[in-house]
Amino acid sequence: MALTAGSITDRLQKAADRPTGIRFVGASVTPARGPSFVPWRQVHDEARAVGAALQARGLVPGDHVAILGPTSRPLMTIIQGCWLSGIASMVLPLPMRMASLEAFVESTRGRIQHGDAKLVLIDDALAAFYEAGPGDPPIELMAAVMPRPGNPPGDRLEIPANDPERLVILQYTSGSTSEPKGVMIPDRVLTANIDASCAAAELGPEEVMVSWLPLYHDMGLVGFLSIPMTVGCQLVQAAPQDFMAHPGNWMQWISDHGGTATAGPNFSWVLATRALKRMEGLDLSRLTLALSGAEPVDPAAVEAFVEAAARFGFKPGSVFPAFGMAEVAIGGAFPVRHRGLLTDDVDRVVLERDRVAKPIELTADTEPDSVRRLPVLGKAVPDLELRIVHPDSREELPERHVGELLIRGTSVTPGYYKRPDATAALFHDGWLCTGDLGYILDGELVICGRIKDVIIVGGRNVFPEDIERAVGGLEGVRAGNVIAFGVEGYKGKETVIVVAEVRTEDAATVKEAIHHRTIEVCGLPPRDVMLVRAGTLPKTSSGKLQRAKCRELYMNEELELFV
């Protein structure tokens, strides 16, 4: 694919000449929000007007604007308007699955103030949730900067001179248990990762990308807005709530609009698989990139989706397990497109005891709990390097030896905004320290877990994901809503706690099943099995489980127990 050189503004202007655009789908599309299809040229002209409106308010290149609103045409237009005027966008998480309105306001205010936002733009539907407080910048409705029908386009916009170091995105990490960390994405990093991701995934202008991903998360903002908006390919866009209400809609949108590329975290593919079993008449034959990322990829979930989607023309080679993170904009390691799922089947005990991925041959007699099936996530995208080192000594490790993943290259963030302490801890000799445990296999990346989440039990490094997946498959347990973590036990030894959301009329039986399933996975009984009400496990704004927060709730006896 021929890549477009130049800054973000250069690319946005060139992509506007493409005969494509955004098609809005889902229940959130209403006549009041305008037509369902908007050409990139119209988005661009309206974004120029937004940029001019921001400049008229005194904002200058290098400033930051916080935006709080659901997925919509105005949100996407304002994001581009910020970039055209040299202003960094700070897209704020919506109040989903938060413990209280107070927690949402506190988290939002922390990001706004820490990120030095000069202006907050808020959707009128959310205006009642957030009011200006001490130290806050001015707050306006998003509609105030959007052009009105009949108004001239953004002729008054002054596009600033290109500056590779100027921030385009200030992407706040979604954890709620530590101080805010804003990942700085300057122009040079964003453009480099767009180019690298497009080259590695063979994404081109003729692609039809389908997304329901939230735009406050890097997969949605960079992977499924920045790329189509700068490459000029077709985008079919829904809101996250439209997917969550009816997961089958995702597959229907792909079928209706000939989607060729889409993405979602592991849990979303599980929901889609369930929905497919009840659907008829779909055509998924054009879908050749079905990316699973943002959370650990479960091979069993991938295979179940392939089986359910096969009768609709979906090809197994189209699944695309990948690795990415906000600190590299989005794309870190991609497999070859059309290859499909490749797993490395390793001896679980050797992996946990020796941190070595010893291959194991699967036979009819192989005990399932003796094997860990790990997806192979591909090679580093162009202009990135991957390295596995010992977490303590930082010595590089040979193939199949598990250590911390380090990354270096053009797509790496310069650091966290106004957090010199966190930035210093993020790097070692010019390499970004990801905190992920993994190993290299034939030049490709395999991820095992997170360093901070590993539970050391009886001399073994138990990965909580293994317990969570095993328990999540039990009847009465909500799949994807299980958290395992370690706490100090007798004589200082770490023990396992399992917290699970359940829907059952026989809690005692479910609790006993969880107890025995945990023993099968890690060899020791859990100290506690806590059953909690559906929808109460702590998750980030992007839906990731928060183990540290759950541990805190457990220690403080604040879990909402299932009765």
Protein backbone atom coordinates (compact mmCIF):
# COMPACT_ATOMS: atom_id res chain seq x y z
CA MET A 1 0.00 0.00 0.00
CA ALA A 2 1.33 3.46 -0.86
CA LEU A 3 1.49 5.45 2.37
CA THR A 4 0.67 9.14 2.59
CA ALA A 5 3.65 11.16 3.78
CA GLY A 6 3.32 14.31 5.83
CA SER A 7 1.80 15.54 9.05
CA ILE A 8 -1.63 14.70 10.40
CA THR A 9 -3.07 17.88 8.86
CA ASP A 10 -1.53 17.04 5.46
CA ARG A 11 -3.10 13.59 5.58
CA LEU A 12 -6.53 14.83 6.69
CA GLN A 13 -6.66 17.31 3.82
CA LYS A 14 -5.64 14.70 1.25
CA ALA A 15 -8.06 12.05 2.57
CA ALA A 16 -10.93 14.53 2.27
CA ASP A 17 -10.67 14.18 -1.51
CA ARG A 18 -11.55 10.50 -1.37
CA PRO A 19 -15.13 9.55 -2.46
CA THR A 20 -15.76 7.83 0.88
CA GLY A 21 -16.83 8.79 4.38
CA ILE A 22 -18.50 7.67 7.59
CA ARG A 23 -21.73 5.72 7.65
CA PHE A 24 -23.38 5.90 11.06
CA VAL A 25 -25.37 2.82 12.08
CA GLY A 26 -27.23 1.58 15.13
CA ALA A 27 -30.05 2.78 17.35
CA SER A 28 -28.11 5.96 18.17
CA VAL A 29 -28.62 7.17 14.58
CA THR A 30 -31.68 9.43 14.50
CA PRO A 31 -32.96 12.02 12.00
CA ALA A 32 -32.10 14.72 14.52
CA ARG A 33 -28.42 13.82 14.27
CA GLY A 34 -28.41 14.27 10.49
CA PRO A 35 -27.90 11.88 7.57
CA SER A 36 -26.47 8.42 8.19
CA PHE A 37 -23.71 8.88 5.58
CA VAL A 38 -21.31 11.84 5.73
CA PRO A 39 -18.52 12.15 3.11
CA TRP A 40 -15.00 12.80 4.39
CA ARG A 41 -15.08 16.10 2.46
CA GLN A 42 -18.04 17.27 4.52
CA VAL A 43 -16.47 16.07 7.77
CA HIS A 44 -13.30 17.93 6.82
CA ASP A 45 -15.07 21.18 5.92
CA GLU A 46 -17.05 21.10 9.16
CA ALA A 47 -13.88 20.27 11.10
CA ARG A 48 -12.21 23.34 9.59
CA ALA A 49 -15.10 25.41 10.93
CA VAL A 50 -14.66 23.79 14.36
CA GLY A 51 -10.95 24.60 14.27
CA ALA A 52 -11.71 28.22 13.38
CA ALA A 53 -14.23 28.41 16.25
CA LEU A 54 -11.59 27.13 18.68
CA GLN A 55 -9.09 29.69 17.42
CA ALA A 56 -11.73 32.43 17.78
CA ARG A 57 -11.92 31.49 21.47
CA GLY A 58 -8.23 32.22 21.84
CA LEU A 59 -6.91 28.68 21.67
CA VAL A 60 -3.54 28.29 19.97
CA PRO A 61 -1.44 25.41 18.64
CA GLY A 62 -0.17 23.32 21.55
CA ASP A 63 -3.28 23.83 23.69
CA HIS A 64 -5.43 20.92 24.89
CA VAL A 65 -9.21 20.53 24.61
CA ALA A 66 -11.16 17.97 26.68
CA ILE A 67 -14.19 16.42 24.97
CA LEU A 68 -16.94 14.54 26.80
CA GLY A 69 -19.62 13.00 24.62
CA PRO A 70 -20.96 9.75 23.16
CA THR A 71 -19.86 8.43 19.78
CA SER A 72 -21.42 10.81 17.28
CA ARG A 73 -20.78 12.94 14.22
CA PRO A 74 -20.07 16.04 16.36
CA LEU A 75 -17.51 14.16 18.49
CA MET A 76 -15.63 12.91 15.44
CA THR A 77 -15.78 16.30 13.76
CA ILE A 78 -14.47 18.09 16.84
CA ILE A 79 -11.57 15.65 17.15
CA GLN A 80 -10.51 16.45 13.59
CA GLY A 81 -11.11 20.16 14.19
CA CYS A 82 -8.69 20.05 17.12
CA TRP A 83 -6.02 18.37 15.04
CA LEU A 84 -6.40 20.77 12.10
CA SER A 85 -5.86 23.72 14.42
CA GLY A 86 -2.83 22.18 16.15
CA ILE A 87 -4.73 21.40 19.36
CA ALA A 88 -4.43 18.11 21.22
CA SER A 89 -7.67 16.21 21.81
CA MET A 90 -8.43 14.70 25.22
CA VAL A 91 -11.45 12.41 24.73
CA LEU A 92 -12.86 11.65 28.17
CA PRO A 93 -14.43 8.32 29.24
CA LEU A 94 -18.19 8.19 29.64
CA PRO A 95 -19.86 7.36 32.99
CA MET A 96 -20.16 3.61 32.34
CA ARG A 97 -19.89 1.00 35.11
CA MET A 98 -18.63 3.57 37.58
CA ALA A 99 -19.43 3.01 41.24
CA SER A 100 -21.13 6.40 41.55
CA LEU A 101 -21.64 9.76 39.90
CA GLU A 102 -19.15 11.19 42.41
CA ALA A 103 -16.47 8.76 41.17
CA PHE A 104 -17.16 9.78 37.57
CA VAL A 105 -16.92 13.49 38.37
CA GLU A 106 -13.73 13.01 40.40
CA SER A 107 -12.08 10.95 37.66
CA THR A 108 -13.15 13.39 34.93
CA ARG A 109 -12.01 16.45 36.86
CA GLY A 110 -8.66 14.78 37.56
CA ARG A 111 -8.03 14.29 33.85
CA ILE A 112 -9.24 17.78 32.86
CA GLN A 113 -7.08 19.56 35.40
CA HIS A 114 -4.01 17.34 35.12
CA GLY A 115 -4.14 17.60 31.32
CA ASP A 116 -4.23 21.43 31.41
CA ALA A 117 -7.33 21.53 29.22
CA LYS A 118 -8.03 25.12 28.11
CA LEU A 119 -11.62 24.26 27.23
CA VAL A 120 -14.10 21.46 27.95
CA LEU A 121 -16.64 20.60 25.26
CA ILE A 122 -19.53 18.49 26.49
CA ASP A 123 -22.51 16.86 24.80
CA ASP A 124 -25.83 18.38 25.90
CA ALA A 125 -27.01 14.92 27.04
CA LEU A 126 -24.15 14.80 29.54
CA ALA A 127 -24.12 18.43 30.63
CA ALA A 128 -26.12 17.67 33.77
CA PHE A 129 -23.53 15.14 34.92
CA TYR A 130 -20.61 17.55 35.10
CA GLU A 131 -20.46 21.16 36.27
CA ALA A 132 -17.43 23.42 36.44
CA GLY A 133 -15.64 23.35 39.76
CA PRO A 134 -12.67 25.20 41.27
CA GLY A 135 -9.70 25.07 38.94
CA ASP A 136 -11.74 23.92 35.92
CA PRO A 137 -11.43 25.62 32.50
CA PRO A 138 -14.50 27.03 30.72
CA ILE A 139 -17.17 24.48 29.76
CA GLU A 140 -19.26 24.77 26.58
CA LEU A 141 -21.68 22.51 24.76
CA MET A 142 -20.21 20.72 21.77
CA ALA A 143 -22.92 22.27 19.59
CA ALA A 144 -21.44 25.71 20.25
CA VAL A 145 -18.38 25.01 18.09
CA MET A 146 -20.13 22.99 15.38
CA PRO A 147 -21.04 24.90 12.18
CA ARG A 148 -24.69 25.68 11.56
CA PRO A 149 -26.40 24.97 8.22
CA GLY A 150 -25.66 27.74 5.76
CA ASN A 151 -22.59 28.98 7.58
CA PRO A 152 -19.45 29.28 5.44
CA PRO A 153 -16.88 26.50 5.91
CA GLY A 154 -13.77 27.11 7.95
CA ASP A 155 -12.22 29.74 5.70
CA ARG A 156 -10.94 31.57 8.76
CA LEU A 157 -9.01 28.54 10.01
CA GLU A 158 -5.29 29.16 10.21
CA ILE A 159 -3.60 25.78 9.85
CA PRO A 160 -0.38 25.98 11.85
CA ALA A 161 3.05 25.11 10.54
CA ASN A 162 3.93 21.43 10.86
CA ASP A 163 5.58 20.50 14.15
CA PRO A 164 6.42 16.79 14.59
CA GLU A 165 6.68 17.21 18.37
CA ARG A 166 3.33 18.94 18.89
CA LEU A 167 0.81 16.75 20.72
CA VAL A 168 -2.11 15.48 18.67
CA ILE A 169 -3.59 13.20 21.34
CA LEU A 170 -3.38 13.18 25.12
CA GLN A 171 -4.63 9.66 25.89
CA TYR A 172 -5.30 8.98 29.55
CA THR A 173 -4.79 5.43 30.75
CA SER A 174 -7.95 3.98 32.20
CA GLY A 175 -6.87 2.73 35.63
CA SER A 176 -8.57 4.38 38.60
CA THR A 177 -6.25 3.28 41.40
CA SER A 178 -3.34 5.61 40.68
CA GLU A 179 -2.70 9.21 39.67
CA PRO A 180 -3.78 10.12 36.13
CA LYS A 181 -1.28 9.16 33.44
CA GLY A 182 -1.72 10.95 30.15
CA VAL A 183 0.11 9.22 27.29
CA MET A 184 1.58 11.90 25.03
CA ILE A 185 1.08 11.17 21.32
CA PRO A 186 2.81 13.84 19.20
CA ASP A 187 2.34 14.16 15.46
CA ARG A 188 5.46 12.14 14.61
CA VAL A 189 4.36 9.20 16.80
CA LEU A 190 0.78 9.10 15.51
CA THR A 191 1.79 9.30 11.84
CA ALA A 192 4.53 6.70 12.31
CA ASN A 193 2.12 4.24 13.93
CA ILE A 194 -0.60 4.83 11.34
CA ASP A 195 1.94 4.00 8.62
CA ALA A 196 3.32 1.00 10.50
CA SER A 197 -0.11 -0.42 11.33
CA CYS A 198 -1.38 0.02 7.77
CA ALA A 199 1.71 -1.63 6.31
CA ALA A 200 1.66 -4.56 8.75
CA ALA A 201 -2.10 -5.19 8.42
CA GLU A 202 -2.22 -4.43 4.69
CA LEU A 203 -4.85 -1.75 5.27
CA GLY A 204 -5.54 0.34 2.19
CA PRO A 205 -7.90 3.03 0.84
CA GLU A 206 -10.39 0.43 -0.43
CA GLU A 207 -10.94 -1.01 3.05
CA VAL A 208 -14.38 -0.93 4.70
CA MET A 209 -13.72 -0.63 8.42
CA VAL A 210 -16.53 -1.38 10.87
CA SER A 211 -16.33 -0.18 14.47
CA TRP A 212 -18.37 0.23 17.62
CA LEU A 213 -15.28 0.86 19.77
CA PRO A 214 -15.34 3.85 22.15
CA LEU A 215 -13.36 6.86 20.95
CA TYR A 216 -11.90 7.48 24.40
CA HIS A 217 -9.90 4.26 24.00
CA ASP A 218 -6.81 4.01 21.78
CA MET A 219 -8.17 1.10 19.72
CA GLY A 220 -11.20 3.16 18.74
CA LEU A 221 -9.55 6.58 18.46
CA VAL A 222 -6.33 5.60 16.68
CA GLY A 223 -7.10 2.21 15.12
CA PHE A 224 -10.61 2.89 13.87
CA LEU A 225 -10.88 6.67 13.51
CA SER A 226 -7.41 8.08 12.85
CA ILE A 227 -6.61 5.46 10.22
CA PRO A 228 -9.77 5.74 8.08
CA MET A 229 -9.86 9.52 8.55
CA THR A 230 -6.27 9.95 7.29
CA VAL A 231 -6.22 7.13 4.71
CA GLY A 232 -9.67 7.96 3.36
CA CYS A 233 -11.20 4.50 3.45
CA GLN A 234 -14.84 3.80 4.25
CA LEU A 235 -15.84 3.73 7.95
CA VAL A 236 -19.03 2.18 9.32
CA GLN A 237 -19.43 3.55 12.85
CA ALA A 238 -21.74 2.56 15.70
CA ALA A 239 -21.84 3.53 19.35
CA PRO A 240 -20.59 1.09 22.03
CA GLN A 241 -24.02 1.00 23.68
CA ASP A 242 -25.59 -0.18 20.41
CA PHE A 243 -23.23 -3.15 20.37
CA MET A 244 -23.66 -3.96 24.06
CA ALA A 245 -27.46 -3.87 23.80
CA HIS A 246 -27.48 -6.29 20.85
CA PRO A 247 -24.04 -7.85 20.08
CA GLY A 248 -25.44 -9.47 16.94
CA ASN A 249 -25.79 -5.99 15.42
CA TRP A 250 -22.01 -5.93 14.94
CA MET A 251 -22.14 -8.90 12.61
CA GLN A 252 -25.21 -7.48 10.86
CA TRP A 253 -23.42 -4.19 10.14
CA ILE A 254 -20.46 -6.09 8.68
CA SER A 255 -22.82 -8.11 6.51
CA ASP A 256 -24.95 -5.16 5.38
CA HIS A 257 -22.04 -2.90 4.43
CA GLY A 258 -19.45 -5.40 3.19
CA GLY A 259 -17.06 -4.82 6.08
CA THR A 260 -13.51 -5.98 5.44
CA ALA A 261 -11.87 -5.04 8.76
CA THR A 262 -13.11 -4.82 12.33
CA ALA A 263 -11.80 -5.21 15.87
CA GLY A 264 -12.82 -5.84 19.44
CA PRO A 265 -11.55 -7.18 22.76
CA ASN A 266 -11.85 -10.86 23.57
CA PHE A 267 -15.16 -10.51 25.46
CA SER A 268 -16.84 -8.91 22.44
CA TRP A 269 -16.01 -11.90 20.23
CA VAL A 270 -17.54 -14.18 22.86
CA LEU A 271 -20.76 -12.14 22.77
CA ALA A 272 -20.74 -12.10 18.97
CA THR A 273 -20.33 -15.87 18.88
CA ARG A 274 -23.40 -16.36 21.05
CA ALA A 275 -25.39 -14.00 18.84
CA LEU A 276 -24.33 -15.72 15.61
CA LYS A 277 -25.89 -18.98 16.75
CA ARG A 278 -29.30 -17.29 16.61
CA MET A 279 -28.81 -15.39 13.33
CA GLU A 280 -29.55 -16.21 9.70
CA GLY A 281 -28.84 -14.74 6.28
CA LEU A 282 -25.53 -12.99 7.00
CA ASP A 283 -22.63 -12.58 4.58
CA LEU A 284 -19.26 -12.35 6.35
CA SER A 285 -17.23 -13.45 3.35
CA ARG A 286 -15.63 -10.02 2.81
CA LEU A 287 -14.39 -9.75 6.40
CA THR A 288 -10.66 -10.56 6.13
CA LEU A 289 -9.33 -8.82 9.24
CA ALA A 290 -11.09 -9.66 12.51
CA LEU A 291 -8.71 -8.22 15.09
CA SER A 292 -8.80 -9.38 18.71
CA GLY A 293 -6.80 -7.20 21.08
CA ALA A 294 -6.92 -4.82 24.08
CA GLU A 295 -7.22 -7.76 26.47
CA PRO A 296 -5.74 -11.30 26.54
CA VAL A 297 -6.83 -13.36 23.55
CA ASP A 298 -8.42 -16.70 24.44
CA PRO A 299 -7.75 -19.25 21.66
CA ALA A 300 -10.90 -21.17 22.59
CA ALA A 301 -12.97 -18.01 22.12
CA VAL A 302 -11.35 -17.39 18.72
CA GLU A 303 -12.03 -20.94 17.56
CA ALA A 304 -15.63 -20.78 18.76
CA PHE A 305 -16.17 -17.60 16.72
CA VAL A 306 -14.60 -19.17 13.62
CA GLU A 307 -16.93 -22.16 13.94
CA ALA A 308 -20.04 -20.02 14.46
CA ALA A 309 -19.16 -17.62 11.61
CA ALA A 310 -18.14 -20.27 9.07
CA ARG A 311 -21.69 -20.86 7.82
CA PHE A 312 -21.83 -17.17 6.85
CA GLY A 313 -18.74 -17.38 4.63
CA PHE A 314 -16.18 -16.27 7.22
CA LYS A 315 -12.71 -17.69 6.57
CA PRO A 316 -10.59 -19.00 9.50
CA GLY A 317 -7.55 -17.14 8.17
CA SER A 318 -9.28 -13.83 8.79
CA VAL A 319 -8.89 -13.86 12.58
CA PHE A 320 -6.15 -11.48 13.65
CA PRO A 321 -4.89 -11.71 17.28
CA ALA A 322 -2.61 -8.72 17.84
CA PHE A 323 -0.74 -6.72 20.48
CA GLY A 324 -0.97 -3.00 21.03
CA MET A 325 -0.95 -0.33 23.71
CA ALA A 326 -1.55 3.40 24.08
CA GLU A 327 2.17 3.99 24.66
CA VAL A 328 2.85 3.11 21.00
CA ALA A 329 -0.33 4.89 19.78
CA ILE A 330 -2.00 1.53 19.07
CA GLY A 331 -0.16 -1.07 16.92
CA GLY A 332 2.71 -3.03 18.48
CA ALA A 333 2.84 -6.50 16.94
CA PHE A 334 0.67 -7.86 14.10
CA PRO A 335 0.51 -11.30 12.50
CA VAL A 336 0.48 -11.77 8.73
CA ARG A 337 -2.97 -10.97 7.41
CA HIS A 338 -4.96 -14.05 6.27
CA ARG A 339 -2.86 -16.42 8.43
CA GLY A 340 -5.44 -16.84 11.15
CA LEU A 341 -4.90 -18.09 14.69
CA LEU A 342 -1.55 -19.69 15.50
CA THR A 343 -0.99 -20.96 19.05
CA ASP A 344 2.01 -22.14 20.98
CA ASP A 345 1.03 -25.04 23.22
CA VAL A 346 3.36 -25.18 26.22
CA ASP A 347 3.80 -27.11 29.46
CA ARG A 348 1.93 -25.11 32.08
CA VAL A 349 4.01 -26.30 35.07
CA VAL A 350 7.35 -25.59 33.38
CA LEU A 351 6.08 -22.17 32.31
CA GLU A 352 4.96 -21.29 35.84
CA ARG A 353 7.93 -22.85 37.65
CA ASP A 354 10.85 -22.06 35.33
CA ARG A 355 9.43 -19.26 33.14
CA VAL A 356 10.32 -21.25 30.06
CA ALA A 357 7.79 -21.99 27.28
CA LYS A 358 8.43 -25.71 26.73
CA PRO A 359 6.43 -27.04 23.76
CA ILE A 360 4.07 -29.87 24.51
CA GLU A 361 2.51 -32.20 21.96
CA LEU A 362 -1.26 -32.44 22.24
CA THR A 363 -2.64 -35.96 22.18
CA ALA A 364 -5.91 -37.57 23.19
CA ASP A 365 -4.32 -38.39 26.57
CA THR A 366 -3.05 -34.87 27.29
CA GLU A 367 -4.56 -33.44 30.46
CA PRO A 368 -6.11 -30.05 29.55
CA ASP A 369 -4.81 -28.42 32.72
CA SER A 370 -1.23 -29.42 31.91
CA VAL A 371 -1.23 -27.23 28.78
CA ARG A 372 -1.32 -23.51 28.28
CA ARG A 373 -2.37 -22.48 24.78
CA LEU A 374 -0.95 -19.07 23.95
CA PRO A 375 -1.77 -17.09 20.78
CA VAL A 376 1.18 -16.00 18.65
CA LEU A 377 0.71 -12.28 18.08
CA GLY A 378 3.02 -11.64 15.15
CA LYS A 379 6.14 -9.58 14.60
CA ALA A 380 6.75 -5.96 15.54
CA VAL A 381 5.13 -3.51 13.14
CA PRO A 382 7.62 -1.64 10.90
CA ASP A 383 10.11 0.62 12.68
CA LEU A 384 9.49 -0.99 16.08
CA GLU A 385 11.80 -3.46 17.85
CA LEU A 386 10.78 -5.99 20.48
CA ARG A 387 13.06 -7.35 23.17
CA ILE A 388 12.49 -9.75 26.09
CA VAL A 389 14.60 -9.17 29.21
CA HIS A 390 14.86 -10.47 32.76
CA PRO A 391 12.59 -8.18 34.82
CA ASP A 392 15.31 -7.56 37.42
CA SER A 393 18.69 -7.76 35.67
CA ARG A 394 17.43 -6.41 32.32
CA GLU A 395 19.56 -8.98 30.53
CA GLU A 396 18.17 -10.06 27.19
CA LEU A 397 16.70 -13.56 27.25
CA PRO A 398 16.86 -16.26 24.56
CA GLU A 399 13.85 -17.55 22.66
CA ARG A 400 11.11 -19.22 24.71
CA HIS A 401 12.38 -17.68 27.97
CA VAL A 402 9.73 -15.54 29.63
CA GLY A 403 10.61 -12.00 30.68
CA GLU A 404 9.45 -8.41 30.37
CA LEU A 405 8.60 -7.05 26.93
CA LEU A 406 10.53 -3.92 25.94
CA ILE A 407 9.80 -1.83 22.83
CA ARG A 408 11.85 0.74 20.93
CA GLY A 409 11.17 2.70 17.74
CA THR A 410 9.39 5.53 15.96
CA SER A 411 5.91 4.83 17.39
CA VAL A 412 6.92 5.04 21.06
CA THR A 413 5.51 7.85 23.22
CA PRO A 414 7.96 10.38 24.68
CA GLY A 415 6.29 9.72 28.06
CA TYR A 416 3.45 10.66 30.38
CA TYR A 417 2.27 14.26 30.57
CA LYS A 418 3.59 16.10 33.66
CA ARG A 419 4.63 12.79 35.23
CA PRO A 420 8.45 12.74 35.16
CA ASP A 421 8.46 10.00 37.80
CA ALA A 422 6.25 7.69 35.74
CA THR A 423 8.11 8.59 32.54
CA ALA A 424 11.46 7.74 34.12
CA ALA A 425 10.07 4.38 35.28
CA LEU A 426 8.66 3.72 31.82
CA PHE A 427 12.04 3.66 30.08
CA HIS A 428 15.33 1.78 30.44
CA ASP A 429 18.25 2.65 28.16
CA GLY A 430 15.87 4.05 25.57
CA TRP A 431 13.50 1.05 25.65
CA LEU A 432 9.88 1.32 26.75
CA CYS A 433 9.19 -1.13 29.59
CA THR A 434 5.69 -2.48 29.00
CA GLY A 435 5.16 -4.44 32.23
CA ASP A 436 3.98 -7.37 30.10
CA LEU A 437 5.46 -10.84 30.46
CA GLY A 438 6.14 -12.70 27.25
CA TYR A 439 8.63 -14.45 25.03
CA ILE A 440 9.80 -14.54 21.44
CA LEU A 441 9.08 -17.47 19.12
CA ASP A 442 10.62 -17.40 15.64
CA GLY A 443 10.73 -13.62 15.84
CA GLU A 444 7.07 -13.34 16.87
CA LEU A 445 5.61 -12.18 20.17
CA VAL A 446 3.78 -14.32 22.69
CA ILE A 447 2.30 -12.65 25.79
CA CYS A 448 1.76 -14.57 29.04
CA GLY A 449 0.44 -11.92 31.43
CA ARG A 450 1.27 -8.79 33.43
CA ILE A 451 4.19 -8.68 35.86
CA LYS A 452 2.18 -6.94 38.58
CA ASP A 453 -0.64 -9.50 38.39
CA VAL A 454 1.39 -12.71 38.66
CA ILE A 455 0.51 -14.75 41.77
CA ILE A 456 3.43 -16.67 43.28
CA VAL A 457 1.99 -19.83 44.81
CA GLY A 458 4.20 -22.69 46.01
CA GLY A 459 7.14 -21.49 43.92
CA ARG A 460 5.02 -21.25 40.76
CA ASN A 461 4.20 -18.07 38.84
CA VAL A 462 0.45 -18.48 38.41
CA PHE A 463 -1.13 -16.22 35.80
CA PRO A 464 -4.54 -14.96 36.97
CA GLU A 465 -5.92 -15.12 33.43
CA ASP A 466 -5.72 -18.92 33.57
CA ILE A 467 -7.86 -19.10 36.69
CA GLU A 468 -10.27 -16.47 35.39
CA ARG A 469 -10.88 -18.26 32.09
CA ALA A 470 -11.26 -21.66 33.75
CA VAL A 471 -13.74 -20.34 36.30
CA GLY A 472 -15.56 -18.24 33.70
CA GLY A 473 -16.58 -21.38 31.87
CA LEU A 474 -18.51 -22.80 34.82
CA GLU A 475 -22.29 -22.83 34.83
CA GLY A 476 -23.72 -19.94 36.83
CA VAL A 477 -20.58 -17.79 36.43
CA ARG A 478 -20.63 -14.78 34.11
CA ALA A 479 -17.88 -15.37 31.53
CA GLY A 480 -15.39 -12.52 31.40
CA ASN A 481 -16.43 -11.35 34.85
CA VAL A 482 -14.02 -13.22 37.10
CA ILE A 483 -10.99 -11.75 38.88
CA ALA A 484 -8.21 -13.71 40.58
CA PHE A 485 -5.45 -12.12 42.66
CA GLY A 486 -3.00 -12.95 45.41
CA VAL A 487 -2.88 -11.86 49.03
CA GLU A 488 -0.39 -12.60 51.76
CA GLY A 489 -1.36 -15.67 53.78
CA TYR A 490 0.10 -17.92 56.44
CA LYS A 491 3.81 -17.26 57.16
CA GLY A 492 3.89 -14.60 54.45
CA LYS A 493 3.06 -17.00 51.63
CA GLU A 494 0.79 -15.71 48.87
CA THR A 495 -2.62 -17.29 48.51
CA VAL A 496 -5.30 -17.01 45.84
CA ILE A 497 -8.60 -15.14 46.05
CA VAL A 498 -11.26 -15.63 43.35
CA VAL A 499 -14.07 -13.09 42.90
CA ALA A 500 -16.80 -13.95 40.42
CA GLU A 501 -20.01 -12.36 39.20
CA VAL A 502 -22.75 -14.98 39.21
CA ARG A 503 -26.34 -15.52 38.18
CA THR A 504 -27.60 -18.67 39.86
CA GLU A 505 -30.17 -20.10 42.22
CA ASP A 506 -27.63 -22.44 43.79
CA ALA A 507 -24.77 -20.27 45.05
CA ALA A 508 -23.30 -23.01 47.23
CA THR A 509 -22.83 -25.38 44.28
CA VAL A 510 -21.26 -22.64 42.12
CA LYS A 511 -18.90 -21.67 44.93
CA GLU A 512 -17.79 -25.28 45.38
CA ALA A 513 -17.24 -25.66 41.63
CA ILE A 514 -15.07 -22.52 41.59
CA HIS A 515 -13.08 -23.87 44.54
CA HIS A 516 -12.31 -27.17 42.79
CA ARG A 517 -11.66 -25.55 39.40
CA THR A 518 -9.05 -23.26 41.00
CA ILE A 519 -7.27 -26.25 42.54
CA GLU A 520 -7.14 -27.89 39.11
CA VAL A 521 -5.50 -24.81 37.59
CA CYS A 522 -2.97 -23.76 40.22
CA GLY A 523 -2.61 -26.85 42.41
CA LEU A 524 -3.70 -25.16 45.63
CA PRO A 525 -7.12 -24.28 47.04
CA PRO A 526 -8.16 -20.63 47.04
CA ARG A 527 -8.25 -18.96 50.43
CA ASP A 528 -11.56 -17.31 49.53
CA VAL A 529 -14.16 -17.58 46.80
CA MET A 530 -16.29 -14.45 46.74
CA LEU A 531 -19.52 -14.40 44.74
CA VAL A 532 -20.64 -10.89 43.79
CA ARG A 533 -23.63 -9.38 42.04
CA ALA A 534 -23.66 -9.00 38.26
CA GLY A 535 -22.20 -5.72 37.03
CA THR A 536 -20.24 -4.92 40.21
CA LEU A 537 -16.70 -6.07 39.42
CA PRO A 538 -14.41 -3.06 38.94
CA LYS A 539 -13.48 -2.44 35.31
CA THR A 540 -11.73 0.35 33.47
CA SER A 541 -13.65 2.65 31.14
CA SER A 542 -12.59 0.36 28.27
CA GLY A 543 -13.91 -2.76 29.99
CA LYS A 544 -10.68 -4.27 31.33
CA LEU A 545 -10.80 -6.02 34.69
CA GLN A 546 -9.16 -4.05 37.52
CA ARG A 547 -7.43 -6.64 39.68
CA ALA A 548 -5.71 -4.14 41.97
CA LYS A 549 -8.98 -2.30 42.61
CA CYS A 550 -10.80 -5.59 43.25
CA ARG A 551 -8.10 -6.61 45.72
CA GLU A 552 -8.57 -3.27 47.49
CA LEU A 553 -12.33 -3.80 47.70
CA TYR A 554 -11.78 -7.31 49.07
CA MET A 555 -9.31 -6.16 51.72
CA ASN A 556 -11.70 -3.37 52.79
CA GLU A 557 -14.70 -5.75 52.78
CA GLU A 558 -16.47 -3.55 50.22
CA LEU A 559 -17.39 -6.15 47.58
CA GLU A 560 -21.09 -6.25 46.69
CA LEU A 561 -21.77 -9.86 47.60
CA PHE A 562 -24.30 -12.06 45.85
CA VAL A 563 -27.15 -12.93 48.19
